[in-house]
Amino acid sequence: MLIASCALATIAFSACGGSSKTASTTTPTPTPTPPAPPTPQMPTSRHVVVVMEENQSYSTVAGNATSWPHFNALLKLGGQATNYYADAHPSIPNYFMLTTGQTLTINDSSTTVWNVDNIARRMLAANVTFKVYAEGVTQGYLGGDTGLYVIRHNPFAMLSDVAGNAQVAKQVIQPFSQFLTDAANNALPAFSFIVPDLNDDAHNGTPLAADAWLQSNVISPLAAVPAFQTGGDGLLIVDFDEAAITDTTHGGGHVIAGFWGPIAKAGYTQASATVYQHESMLRTLMEVLGLSNYPGAASTAPDMSEFFILK
């Protein structure tokens, strides 16, 4: 029985009646997980210029070097959105979407001053300088249509943050001649919003005339500004408010938007299938200006980062 007991014990112990020996094991050191690469970020700028053109469908602008020779040349140097749609007809809801993230009204004759969240409010709160350069008005002008100027093309004149404060309005709303002076003196604000008159935005005048005005009054002056040269942070955006009235796709029809400047991709045509609208442009503008808390529909709209050289 003693022999049997010792034999059984051997199964559990290294020697009968002796101390056991446990085989040593080494726990392998886990391989550290490499940190995730940083997410590319939108570049920022303190020289953003937006020009609004009027009532032109994508098909009549893109590639049409007869009617829009200078703009199409600019698109080849910069980037173009091929899947961009206005939000509504007529003009005014698109301008409000571009600044507030809401259409607010479809009454083109409205002069209502709106107290809603908007890009002007964000810029004022963050001390981001901005000006509206409008043809046909005097400094601080808050009145309605006059001559070839129409207030529906200047949404800032109908936002309470500007229209409700004469001092702010005097700082923000400028005659277009001041743009040429500021550009020549390298004194543009962080954000410039250009409002051509009805003859120069292709609303009443011909596309060829609007294109020539754009070249001589915006593109050429900006090309001489250091911020728009290699290594600068300049960004010019040329956007169209709505397509021809017969095109109601996504609300306001198929239009084109163009980007040009050192922070924009060169020779880039939209590669994604993303549908962009004015709320995407609003979000993108605010990102480039370093602003957050995008108002209205801009809070959920896709940004247009594919058109930029990300950092």
C-alpha atoms as a PDB file:
ATOM      1  CA  MET A   1       0.000   0.000   0.000  1.00  0.00           C
ATOM      2  CA  LEU A   2       2.918   2.320   0.733  1.00  0.00           C
ATOM      3  CA  ILE A   3       4.331   1.723  -2.744  1.00  0.00           C
ATOM      4  CA  ALA A   4       0.946   2.444  -4.318  1.00  0.00           C
ATOM      5  CA  SER A   5       0.556   5.633  -2.305  1.00  0.00           C
ATOM      6  CA  CYS A   6       3.971   6.818  -3.362  1.00  0.00           C
ATOM      7  CA  ALA A   7       3.201   6.061  -6.991  1.00  0.00           C
ATOM      8  CA  LEU A   8      -0.012   8.052  -6.837  1.00  0.00           C
ATOM      9  CA  ALA A   9       1.738  10.902  -5.110  1.00  0.00           C
ATOM     10  CA  THR A  10       4.349  11.003  -7.843  1.00  0.00           C
ATOM     11  CA  ILE A  11       1.690  12.133 -10.258  1.00  0.00           C
ATOM     12  CA  ALA A  12       1.244  15.313  -8.206  1.00  0.00           C
ATOM     13  CA  PHE A  13       4.778  15.740  -6.796  1.00  0.00           C
ATOM     14  CA  SER A  14       8.208  15.577  -8.324  1.00  0.00           C
ATOM     15  CA  ALA A  15       9.377  13.008  -5.700  1.00  0.00           C
ATOM     16  CA  CYS A  16       7.533  10.845  -3.168  1.00  0.00           C
ATOM     17  CA  GLY A  17       7.836  12.426   0.217  1.00  0.00           C
ATOM     18  CA  GLY A  18       9.908  15.356  -1.285  1.00  0.00           C
ATOM     19  CA  SER A  19       9.126  18.959  -2.119  1.00  0.00           C
ATOM     20  CA  SER A  20       7.408  19.770  -5.432  1.00  0.00           C
ATOM     21  CA  LYS A  21       8.996  21.812  -8.268  1.00  0.00           C
ATOM     22  CA  THR A  22       6.758  24.024 -10.396  1.00  0.00           C
ATOM     23  CA  ALA A  23       7.872  24.664 -13.966  1.00  0.00           C
ATOM     24  CA  SER A  24       8.559  28.377 -14.401  1.00  0.00           C
ATOM     25  CA  THR A  25       6.688  30.265 -17.131  1.00  0.00           C
ATOM     26  CA  THR A  26       7.476  33.704 -18.607  1.00  0.00           C
ATOM     27  CA  THR A  27       4.581  35.967 -19.559  1.00  0.00           C
ATOM     28  CA  PRO A  28       5.448  37.624 -22.883  1.00  0.00           C
ATOM     29  CA  THR A  29       5.567  41.416 -22.790  1.00  0.00           C
ATOM     30  CA  PRO A  30       2.709  42.729 -24.918  1.00  0.00           C
ATOM     31  CA  THR A  31       3.736  44.700 -27.976  1.00  0.00           C
ATOM     32  CA  PRO A  32       2.646  48.287 -27.458  1.00  0.00           C
ATOM     33  CA  THR A  33      -0.049  49.524 -29.824  1.00  0.00           C
ATOM     34  CA  PRO A  34       1.363  52.316 -31.957  1.00  0.00           C
ATOM     35  CA  PRO A  35      -0.501  55.617 -31.568  1.00  0.00           C
ATOM     36  CA  ALA A  36      -3.068  56.374 -34.218  1.00  0.00           C
ATOM     37  CA  PRO A  37      -1.859  58.875 -36.790  1.00  0.00           C
ATOM     38  CA  PRO A  38      -3.279  62.351 -36.219  1.00  0.00           C
ATOM     39  CA  THR A  39      -6.468  63.165 -38.096  1.00  0.00           C
ATOM     40  CA  PRO A  40      -5.750  65.636 -40.887  1.00  0.00           C
ATOM     41  CA  GLN A  41      -7.132  69.049 -39.997  1.00  0.00           C
ATOM     42  CA  MET A  42      -8.593  71.810 -42.101  1.00  0.00           C
ATOM     43  CA  PRO A  43      -6.189  74.664 -42.699  1.00  0.00           C
ATOM     44  CA  THR A  44      -7.101  78.006 -41.195  1.00  0.00           C
ATOM     45  CA  SER A  45      -7.027  81.394 -42.867  1.00  0.00           C
ATOM     46  CA  ARG A  46      -7.323  85.075 -42.097  1.00  0.00           C
ATOM     47  CA  HIS A  47      -7.784  85.993 -45.746  1.00  0.00           C
ATOM     48  CA  VAL A  48     -11.052  84.403 -46.911  1.00  0.00           C
ATOM     49  CA  VAL A  49     -12.967  86.078 -49.750  1.00  0.00           C
ATOM     50  CA  VAL A  50     -16.407  84.978 -50.980  1.00  0.00           C
ATOM     51  CA  VAL A  51     -17.997  86.273 -54.197  1.00  0.00           C
ATOM     52  CA  MET A  52     -21.613  85.448 -54.983  1.00  0.00           C
ATOM     53  CA  GLU A  53     -22.827  85.071 -58.552  1.00  0.00           C
ATOM     54  CA  GLU A  54     -26.438  84.737 -59.629  1.00  0.00           C
ATOM     55  CA  ASN A  55     -28.878  82.360 -61.291  1.00  0.00           C
ATOM     56  CA  GLN A  56     -26.534  80.204 -63.357  1.00  0.00           C
ATOM     57  CA  SER A  57     -26.837  76.450 -63.719  1.00  0.00           C
ATOM     58  CA  TYR A  58     -23.828  74.164 -63.510  1.00  0.00           C
ATOM     59  CA  SER A  59     -24.214  73.118 -67.146  1.00  0.00           C
ATOM     60  CA  THR A  60     -24.009  76.711 -68.403  1.00  0.00           C
ATOM     61  CA  VAL A  61     -20.881  77.571 -66.400  1.00  0.00           C
ATOM     62  CA  ALA A  62     -18.624  74.534 -65.991  1.00  0.00           C
ATOM     63  CA  GLY A  63     -16.363  74.179 -69.017  1.00  0.00           C
ATOM     64  CA  ASN A  64     -18.021  77.111 -70.782  1.00  0.00           C
ATOM     65  CA  ALA A  65     -14.931  79.094 -71.729  1.00  0.00           C
ATOM     66  CA  THR A  66     -16.958  81.239 -74.099  1.00  0.00           C
ATOM     67  CA  SER A  67     -19.166  82.799 -71.407  1.00  0.00           C
ATOM     68  CA  TRP A  68     -16.961  82.259 -68.348  1.00  0.00           C
ATOM     69  CA  PRO A  69     -13.351  82.184 -69.609  1.00  0.00           C
ATOM     70  CA  HIS A  70     -11.638  83.637 -66.541  1.00  0.00           C
ATOM     71  CA  PHE A  71     -13.673  81.683 -64.020  1.00  0.00           C
ATOM     72  CA  ASN A  72     -12.993  78.405 -65.832  1.00  0.00           C
ATOM     73  CA  ALA A  73      -9.286  79.247 -65.940  1.00  0.00           C
ATOM     74  CA  LEU A  74      -9.450  79.828 -62.183  1.00  0.00           C
ATOM     75  CA  LEU A  75     -11.115  76.446 -61.672  1.00  0.00           C
ATOM     76  CA  LYS A  76      -8.193  74.753 -63.411  1.00  0.00           C
ATOM     77  CA  LEU A  77      -5.805  76.406 -60.969  1.00  0.00           C
ATOM     78  CA  GLY A  78      -7.945  75.585 -57.941  1.00  0.00           C
ATOM     79  CA  GLY A  79     -10.796  73.238 -57.188  1.00  0.00           C
ATOM     80  CA  GLN A  80     -14.366  72.825 -58.320  1.00  0.00           C
ATOM     81  CA  ALA A  81     -17.369  71.204 -56.696  1.00  0.00           C
ATOM     82  CA  THR A  82     -19.313  69.194 -59.235  1.00  0.00           C
ATOM     83  CA  ASN A  83     -22.039  67.915 -56.900  1.00  0.00           C
ATOM     84  CA  TYR A  84     -23.157  71.193 -55.309  1.00  0.00           C
ATOM     85  CA  TYR A  85     -26.799  72.264 -55.122  1.00  0.00           C
ATOM     86  CA  ALA A  86     -28.618  75.383 -54.009  1.00  0.00           C
ATOM     87  CA  ASP A  87     -31.260  74.980 -51.323  1.00  0.00           C
ATOM     88  CA  ALA A  88     -34.274  76.763 -52.768  1.00  0.00           C
ATOM     89  CA  HIS A  89     -35.690  79.298 -55.190  1.00  0.00           C
ATOM     90  CA  PRO A  90     -35.623  82.309 -55.310  1.00  0.00           C
ATOM     91  CA  SER A  91     -32.391  84.010 -54.147  1.00  0.00           C
ATOM     92  CA  ILE A  92     -32.962  85.086 -50.550  1.00  0.00           C
ATOM     93  CA  PRO A  93     -33.291  81.671 -48.844  1.00  0.00           C
ATOM     94  CA  ASN A  94     -29.949  80.627 -50.302  1.00  0.00           C
ATOM     95  CA  TYR A  95     -28.172  83.694 -48.919  1.00  0.00           C
ATOM     96  CA  PHE A  96     -29.666  83.052 -45.511  1.00  0.00           C
ATOM     97  CA  MET A  97     -28.684  79.380 -45.620  1.00  0.00           C
ATOM     98  CA  LEU A  98     -25.138  80.470 -46.421  1.00  0.00           C
ATOM     99  CA  THR A  99     -25.014  82.709 -43.346  1.00  0.00           C
ATOM    100  CA  THR A 100     -27.468  81.262 -40.797  1.00  0.00           C
ATOM    101  CA  GLY A 101     -27.953  77.609 -41.743  1.00  0.00           C
ATOM    102  CA  GLN A 102     -31.674  78.325 -42.274  1.00  0.00           C
ATOM    103  CA  THR A 103     -33.671  79.440 -45.310  1.00  0.00           C
ATOM    104  CA  LEU A 104     -35.783  81.776 -43.108  1.00  0.00           C
ATOM    105  CA  THR A 105     -37.964  83.137 -45.944  1.00  0.00           C
ATOM    106  CA  ILE A 106     -38.683  82.688 -49.645  1.00  0.00           C
ATOM    107  CA  ASN A 107     -39.893  86.278 -50.042  1.00  0.00           C
ATOM    108  CA  ASP A 108     -37.306  88.016 -52.215  1.00  0.00           C
ATOM    109  CA  SER A 109     -38.792  91.384 -51.250  1.00  0.00           C
ATOM    110  CA  SER A 110     -38.364  90.815 -47.522  1.00  0.00           C
ATOM    111  CA  THR A 111     -36.313  93.301 -45.509  1.00  0.00           C
ATOM    112  CA  THR A 112     -37.030  91.660 -42.152  1.00  0.00           C
ATOM    113  CA  VAL A 113     -34.141  91.809 -39.700  1.00  0.00           C
ATOM    114  CA  TRP A 114     -33.568  88.365 -38.174  1.00  0.00           C
ATOM    115  CA  ASN A 115     -32.313  87.655 -34.679  1.00  0.00           C
ATOM    116  CA  VAL A 116     -31.018  84.127 -35.246  1.00  0.00           C
ATOM    117  CA  ASP A 117     -27.670  82.424 -34.790  1.00  0.00           C
ATOM    118  CA  ASN A 118     -25.362  83.226 -37.707  1.00  0.00           C
ATOM    119  CA  ILE A 119     -21.772  83.508 -38.880  1.00  0.00           C
ATOM    120  CA  ALA A 120     -21.637  87.260 -38.176  1.00  0.00           C
ATOM    121  CA  ARG A 121     -22.492  86.620 -34.532  1.00  0.00           C
ATOM    122  CA  ARG A 122     -19.766  84.012 -34.290  1.00  0.00           C
ATOM    123  CA  MET A 123     -17.168  86.299 -35.893  1.00  0.00           C
ATOM    124  CA  LEU A 124     -18.055  89.220 -33.648  1.00  0.00           C
ATOM    125  CA  ALA A 125     -17.831  87.026 -30.550  1.00  0.00           C
ATOM    126  CA  ALA A 126     -14.435  85.653 -31.614  1.00  0.00           C
ATOM    127  CA  ASN A 127     -13.052  89.038 -32.760  1.00  0.00           C
ATOM    128  CA  VAL A 128     -12.689  87.753 -36.316  1.00  0.00           C
ATOM    129  CA  THR A 129     -12.653  90.802 -38.584  1.00  0.00           C
ATOM    130  CA  PHE A 130     -15.080  90.853 -41.505  1.00  0.00           C
ATOM    131  CA  LYS A 131     -16.457  93.234 -44.098  1.00  0.00           C
ATOM    132  CA  VAL A 132     -19.191  93.186 -46.699  1.00  0.00           C
ATOM    133  CA  TYR A 133     -18.041  94.948 -49.851  1.00  0.00           C
ATOM    134  CA  ALA A 134     -21.156  95.832 -51.849  1.00  0.00           C
ATOM    135  CA  GLU A 135     -21.454  97.673 -55.137  1.00  0.00           C
ATOM    136  CA  GLY A 136     -23.787 100.639 -55.101  1.00  0.00           C
ATOM    137  CA  VAL A 137     -23.917 101.419 -51.359  1.00  0.00           C
ATOM    138  CA  THR A 138     -22.199 103.767 -48.950  1.00  0.00           C
ATOM    139  CA  GLN A 139     -20.448 102.829 -45.716  1.00  0.00           C
ATOM    140  CA  GLY A 140     -22.839 101.454 -43.113  1.00  0.00           C
ATOM    141  CA  TYR A 141     -25.809 101.425 -45.501  1.00  0.00           C
ATOM    142  CA  LEU A 142     -28.774  99.546 -44.025  1.00  0.00           C
ATOM    143  CA  GLY A 143     -31.498 100.640 -46.421  1.00  0.00           C
ATOM    144  CA  GLY A 144     -33.308  98.627 -49.053  1.00  0.00           C
ATOM    145  CA  ASP A 145     -32.793  98.262 -52.798  1.00  0.00           C
ATOM    146  CA  THR A 146     -31.088 101.199 -54.464  1.00  0.00           C
ATOM    147  CA  GLY A 147     -30.008 101.401 -58.077  1.00  0.00           C
ATOM    148  CA  LEU A 148     -28.488  98.058 -59.055  1.00  0.00           C
ATOM    149  CA  TYR A 149     -27.968  97.009 -55.434  1.00  0.00           C
ATOM    150  CA  VAL A 150     -30.550  94.673 -53.898  1.00  0.00           C
ATOM    151  CA  ILE A 151     -30.625  93.897 -50.199  1.00  0.00           C
ATOM    152  CA  ARG A 152     -31.619  90.268 -50.786  1.00  0.00           C
ATOM    153  CA  HIS A 153     -28.043  89.672 -52.014  1.00  0.00           C
ATOM    154  CA  ASN A 154     -26.610  91.089 -48.774  1.00  0.00           C
ATOM    155  CA  PRO A 155     -27.884  88.907 -45.919  1.00  0.00           C
ATOM    156  CA  PHE A 156     -25.616  90.643 -43.392  1.00  0.00           C
ATOM    157  CA  ALA A 157     -27.772  93.764 -43.739  1.00  0.00           C
ATOM    158  CA  MET A 158     -30.719  91.706 -42.462  1.00  0.00           C
ATOM    159  CA  LEU A 159     -29.030  90.057 -39.472  1.00  0.00           C
ATOM    160  CA  SER A 160     -29.607  91.765 -36.127  1.00  0.00           C
ATOM    161  CA  ASP A 161     -25.950  91.502 -35.153  1.00  0.00           C
ATOM    162  CA  VAL A 162     -25.122  93.966 -37.946  1.00  0.00           C
ATOM    163  CA  ALA A 163     -28.413  95.697 -38.774  1.00  0.00           C
ATOM    164  CA  GLY A 164     -29.222  96.297 -35.107  1.00  0.00           C
ATOM    165  CA  ASN A 165     -26.018  98.175 -34.353  1.00  0.00           C
ATOM    166  CA  ALA A 166     -25.113 101.244 -36.424  1.00  0.00           C
ATOM    167  CA  GLN A 167     -21.513 101.191 -35.220  1.00  0.00           C
ATOM    168  CA  VAL A 168     -21.043  97.569 -36.277  1.00  0.00           C
ATOM    169  CA  ALA A 169     -22.789  98.252 -39.583  1.00  0.00           C
ATOM    170  CA  LYS A 170     -20.394 101.132 -40.274  1.00  0.00           C
ATOM    171  CA  GLN A 171     -17.445  98.829 -39.661  1.00  0.00           C
ATOM    172  CA  VAL A 172     -18.845  95.925 -41.662  1.00  0.00           C
ATOM    173  CA  ILE A 173     -20.749  97.296 -44.657  1.00  0.00           C
ATOM    174  CA  GLN A 174     -18.447  99.019 -47.119  1.00  0.00           C
ATOM    175  CA  PRO A 175     -18.705 100.288 -50.691  1.00  0.00           C
ATOM    176  CA  PHE A 176     -16.991  97.938 -53.114  1.00  0.00           C
ATOM    177  CA  SER A 177     -14.291 100.527 -53.874  1.00  0.00           C
ATOM    178  CA  GLN A 178     -12.972  99.887 -50.362  1.00  0.00           C
ATOM    179  CA  PHE A 179     -12.197  96.284 -51.320  1.00  0.00           C
ATOM    180  CA  LEU A 180      -9.806  97.461 -54.009  1.00  0.00           C
ATOM    181  CA  THR A 181      -8.177  99.838 -51.531  1.00  0.00           C
ATOM    182  CA  ASP A 182      -7.863  97.189 -48.813  1.00  0.00           C
ATOM    183  CA  ALA A 183      -6.460  94.616 -51.244  1.00  0.00           C
ATOM    184  CA  ALA A 184      -3.905  97.096 -52.606  1.00  0.00           C
ATOM    185  CA  ASN A 185      -2.823  97.993 -49.068  1.00  0.00           C
ATOM    186  CA  ASN A 186      -2.697  94.365 -47.879  1.00  0.00           C
ATOM    187  CA  ALA A 187      -5.380  95.289 -45.358  1.00  0.00           C
ATOM    188  CA  LEU A 188      -8.183  92.825 -46.055  1.00  0.00           C
ATOM    189  CA  PRO A 189     -10.123  91.500 -43.043  1.00  0.00           C
ATOM    190  CA  ALA A 190     -10.179  87.829 -42.111  1.00  0.00           C
ATOM    191  CA  PHE A 191     -13.458  87.403 -44.021  1.00  0.00           C
ATOM    192  CA  SER A 192     -14.656  89.398 -47.025  1.00  0.00           C
ATOM    193  CA  PHE A 193     -18.113  88.970 -48.538  1.00  0.00           C
ATOM    194  CA  ILE A 194     -18.435  90.571 -51.981  1.00  0.00           C
ATOM    195  CA  VAL A 195     -21.817  91.638 -53.335  1.00  0.00           C
ATOM    196  CA  PRO A 196     -21.619  92.600 -57.029  1.00  0.00           C
ATOM    197  CA  ASP A 197     -24.535  94.619 -58.399  1.00  0.00           C
ATOM    198  CA  LEU A 198     -27.194  93.126 -60.658  1.00  0.00           C
ATOM    199  CA  ASN A 199     -25.199  93.822 -63.819  1.00  0.00           C
ATOM    200  CA  ASP A 200     -21.962  92.363 -62.484  1.00  0.00           C
ATOM    201  CA  ASP A 201     -23.248  89.137 -60.883  1.00  0.00           C
ATOM    202  CA  ALA A 202     -24.864  87.744 -64.065  1.00  0.00           C
ATOM    203  CA  HIS A 203     -28.382  88.411 -62.767  1.00  0.00           C
ATOM    204  CA  ASN A 204     -29.199  91.185 -65.232  1.00  0.00           C
ATOM    205  CA  GLY A 205     -25.930  91.431 -67.136  1.00  0.00           C
ATOM    206  CA  THR A 206     -24.405  88.771 -69.338  1.00  0.00           C
ATOM    207  CA  PRO A 207     -22.251  85.953 -67.962  1.00  0.00           C
ATOM    208  CA  LEU A 208     -19.349  87.262 -70.043  1.00  0.00           C
ATOM    209  CA  ALA A 209     -19.654  90.689 -68.402  1.00  0.00           C
ATOM    210  CA  ALA A 210     -19.833  89.113 -64.939  1.00  0.00           C
ATOM    211  CA  ASP A 211     -16.777  87.006 -65.719  1.00  0.00           C
ATOM    212  CA  ALA A 212     -14.809  90.043 -66.886  1.00  0.00           C
ATOM    213  CA  TRP A 213     -15.824  91.964 -63.743  1.00  0.00           C
ATOM    214  CA  LEU A 214     -14.754  89.050 -61.562  1.00  0.00           C
ATOM    215  CA  GLN A 215     -11.354  88.898 -63.230  1.00  0.00           C
ATOM    216  CA  SER A 216     -10.544  92.607 -63.159  1.00  0.00           C
ATOM    217  CA  ASN A 217     -12.065  93.473 -59.770  1.00  0.00           C
ATOM    218  CA  VAL A 218     -11.410  90.383 -57.675  1.00  0.00           C
ATOM    219  CA  ILE A 219      -9.037  87.796 -59.123  1.00  0.00           C
ATOM    220  CA  SER A 220      -6.359  90.170 -60.419  1.00  0.00           C
ATOM    221  CA  PRO A 221      -6.253  92.333 -57.267  1.00  0.00           C
ATOM    222  CA  LEU A 222      -6.071  89.240 -55.041  1.00  0.00           C
ATOM    223  CA  ALA A 223      -3.250  87.739 -57.087  1.00  0.00           C
ATOM    224  CA  ALA A 224      -1.086  90.673 -55.951  1.00  0.00           C
ATOM    225  CA  VAL A 225      -1.893  90.165 -52.253  1.00  0.00           C
ATOM    226  CA  PRO A 226       0.888  88.251 -50.422  1.00  0.00           C
ATOM    227  CA  ALA A 227      -1.650  85.979 -48.700  1.00  0.00           C
ATOM    228  CA  PHE A 228      -2.683  84.622 -52.116  1.00  0.00           C
ATOM    229  CA  GLN A 229       0.849  83.835 -53.187  1.00  0.00           C
ATOM    230  CA  THR A 230       2.896  80.713 -52.427  1.00  0.00           C
ATOM    231  CA  GLY A 231       3.078  80.105 -48.705  1.00  0.00           C
ATOM    232  CA  GLY A 232       0.122  82.363 -47.909  1.00  0.00           C
ATOM    233  CA  ASP A 233      -3.213  81.479 -46.368  1.00  0.00           C
ATOM    234  CA  GLY A 234      -5.528  83.132 -48.897  1.00  0.00           C
ATOM    235  CA  LEU A 235      -8.767  81.535 -50.069  1.00  0.00           C
ATOM    236  CA  LEU A 236     -11.152  82.796 -52.743  1.00  0.00           C
ATOM    237  CA  ILE A 237     -14.528  81.107 -53.079  1.00  0.00           C
ATOM    238  CA  VAL A 238     -16.814  81.843 -56.017  1.00  0.00           C
ATOM    239  CA  ASP A 239     -20.302  80.528 -55.365  1.00  0.00           C
ATOM    240  CA  PHE A 240     -23.633  80.712 -57.180  1.00  0.00           C
ATOM    241  CA  ASP A 241     -26.831  81.316 -55.250  1.00  0.00           C
ATOM    242  CA  GLU A 242     -29.175  79.183 -57.354  1.00  0.00           C
ATOM    243  CA  ALA A 243     -29.564  77.472 -60.712  1.00  0.00           C
ATOM    244  CA  ALA A 244     -32.067  78.354 -63.409  1.00  0.00           C
ATOM    245  CA  ILE A 245     -35.560  78.527 -61.932  1.00  0.00           C
ATOM    246  CA  THR A 246     -36.606  75.389 -63.832  1.00  0.00           C
ATOM    247  CA  ASP A 247     -34.033  73.280 -61.956  1.00  0.00           C
ATOM    248  CA  THR A 248     -35.353  72.368 -58.519  1.00  0.00           C
ATOM    249  CA  THR A 249     -33.023  69.440 -57.787  1.00  0.00           C
ATOM    250  CA  HIS A 250     -32.337  69.403 -54.017  1.00  0.00           C
ATOM    251  CA  GLY A 251     -34.421  72.549 -53.816  1.00  0.00           C
ATOM    252  CA  GLY A 252     -32.425  75.139 -55.754  1.00  0.00           C
ATOM    253  CA  GLY A 253     -30.807  73.244 -58.583  1.00  0.00           C
ATOM    254  CA  HIS A 254     -27.312  72.218 -59.649  1.00  0.00           C
ATOM    255  CA  VAL A 255     -24.695  74.986 -59.395  1.00  0.00           C
ATOM    256  CA  ILE A 256     -20.914  75.198 -59.261  1.00  0.00           C
ATOM    257  CA  ALA A 257     -18.626  76.413 -56.503  1.00  0.00           C
ATOM    258  CA  GLY A 258     -14.936  77.120 -56.997  1.00  0.00           C
ATOM    259  CA  PHE A 259     -11.967  77.397 -54.607  1.00  0.00           C
ATOM    260  CA  TRP A 260      -8.639  79.083 -55.285  1.00  0.00           C
ATOM    261  CA  GLY A 261      -5.674  80.040 -53.122  1.00  0.00           C
ATOM    262  CA  PRO A 262      -2.594  78.541 -51.437  1.00  0.00           C
ATOM    263  CA  ILE A 263      -4.643  76.484 -48.959  1.00  0.00           C
ATOM    264  CA  ALA A 264      -6.875  74.962 -51.666  1.00  0.00           C
ATOM    265  CA  LYS A 265      -5.924  71.965 -53.770  1.00  0.00           C
ATOM    266  CA  ALA A 266      -4.718  72.908 -57.234  1.00  0.00           C
ATOM    267  CA  GLY A 267      -6.408  71.438 -60.298  1.00  0.00           C
ATOM    268  CA  TYR A 268      -8.828  69.441 -58.163  1.00  0.00           C
ATOM    269  CA  THR A 269     -12.228  68.239 -59.324  1.00  0.00           C
ATOM    270  CA  GLN A 270     -14.590  66.803 -56.734  1.00  0.00           C
ATOM    271  CA  ALA A 271     -13.777  63.134 -56.239  1.00  0.00           C
ATOM    272  CA  SER A 272     -16.463  62.197 -53.723  1.00  0.00           C
ATOM    273  CA  ALA A 273     -20.139  61.565 -54.395  1.00  0.00           C
ATOM    274  CA  THR A 274     -21.113  63.810 -51.489  1.00  0.00           C
ATOM    275  CA  VAL A 275     -23.957  66.228 -52.120  1.00  0.00           C
ATOM    276  CA  TYR A 276     -22.906  69.677 -50.952  1.00  0.00           C
ATOM    277  CA  GLN A 277     -25.228  72.632 -50.421  1.00  0.00           C
ATOM    278  CA  HIS A 278     -24.928  76.118 -48.955  1.00  0.00           C
ATOM    279  CA  GLU A 279     -25.022  74.734 -45.415  1.00  0.00           C
ATOM    280  CA  SER A 280     -21.854  72.773 -46.224  1.00  0.00           C
ATOM    281  CA  MET A 281     -20.235  75.970 -47.483  1.00  0.00           C
ATOM    282  CA  LEU A 282     -21.230  77.744 -44.253  1.00  0.00           C
ATOM    283  CA  ARG A 283     -19.684  74.989 -42.143  1.00  0.00           C
ATOM    284  CA  THR A 284     -16.536  75.025 -44.271  1.00  0.00           C
ATOM    285  CA  LEU A 285     -16.156  78.791 -44.004  1.00  0.00           C
ATOM    286  CA  MET A 286     -16.465  78.615 -40.239  1.00  0.00           C
ATOM    287  CA  GLU A 287     -13.936  75.785 -39.984  1.00  0.00           C
ATOM    288  CA  VAL A 288     -11.397  77.702 -42.069  1.00  0.00           C
ATOM    289  CA  LEU A 289     -11.971  80.789 -39.914  1.00  0.00           C
ATOM    290  CA  GLY A 290     -11.479  78.717 -36.762  1.00  0.00           C
ATOM    291  CA  LEU A 291     -15.074  79.113 -35.579  1.00  0.00           C
ATOM    292  CA  SER A 292     -17.200  76.420 -33.930  1.00  0.00           C
ATOM    293  CA  ASN A 293     -20.848  75.820 -32.997  1.00  0.00           C
ATOM    294  CA  TYR A 294     -22.085  75.882 -36.571  1.00  0.00           C
ATOM    295  CA  PRO A 295     -25.597  77.333 -36.779  1.00  0.00           C
ATOM    296  CA  GLY A 296     -28.676  75.584 -38.134  1.00  0.00           C
ATOM    297  CA  ALA A 297     -28.217  72.949 -40.812  1.00  0.00           C
ATOM    298  CA  ALA A 298     -24.459  73.612 -40.916  1.00  0.00           C
ATOM    299  CA  SER A 299     -24.127  71.648 -37.665  1.00  0.00           C
ATOM    300  CA  THR A 300     -24.882  68.368 -39.450  1.00  0.00           C
ATOM    301  CA  ALA A 301     -23.833  69.177 -43.021  1.00  0.00           C
ATOM    302  CA  PRO A 302     -20.707  67.543 -44.481  1.00  0.00           C
ATOM    303  CA  ASP A 303     -17.790  69.921 -44.709  1.00  0.00           C
ATOM    304  CA  MET A 304     -15.878  70.449 -47.951  1.00  0.00           C
ATOM    305  CA  SER A 305     -12.463  69.452 -46.649  1.00  0.00           C
ATOM    306  CA  GLU A 306     -11.709  67.412 -49.773  1.00  0.00           C
ATOM    307  CA  PHE A 307     -10.975  70.685 -51.584  1.00  0.00           C
ATOM    308  CA  PHE A 308      -8.233  71.745 -49.155  1.00  0.00           C
ATOM    309  CA  ILE A 309      -4.629  70.885 -48.403  1.00  0.00           C
ATOM    310  CA  LEU A 310      -5.147  69.329 -44.978  1.00  0.00           C
ATOM    311  CA  LYS A 311      -2.581  69.711 -42.220  1.00  0.00           C
END
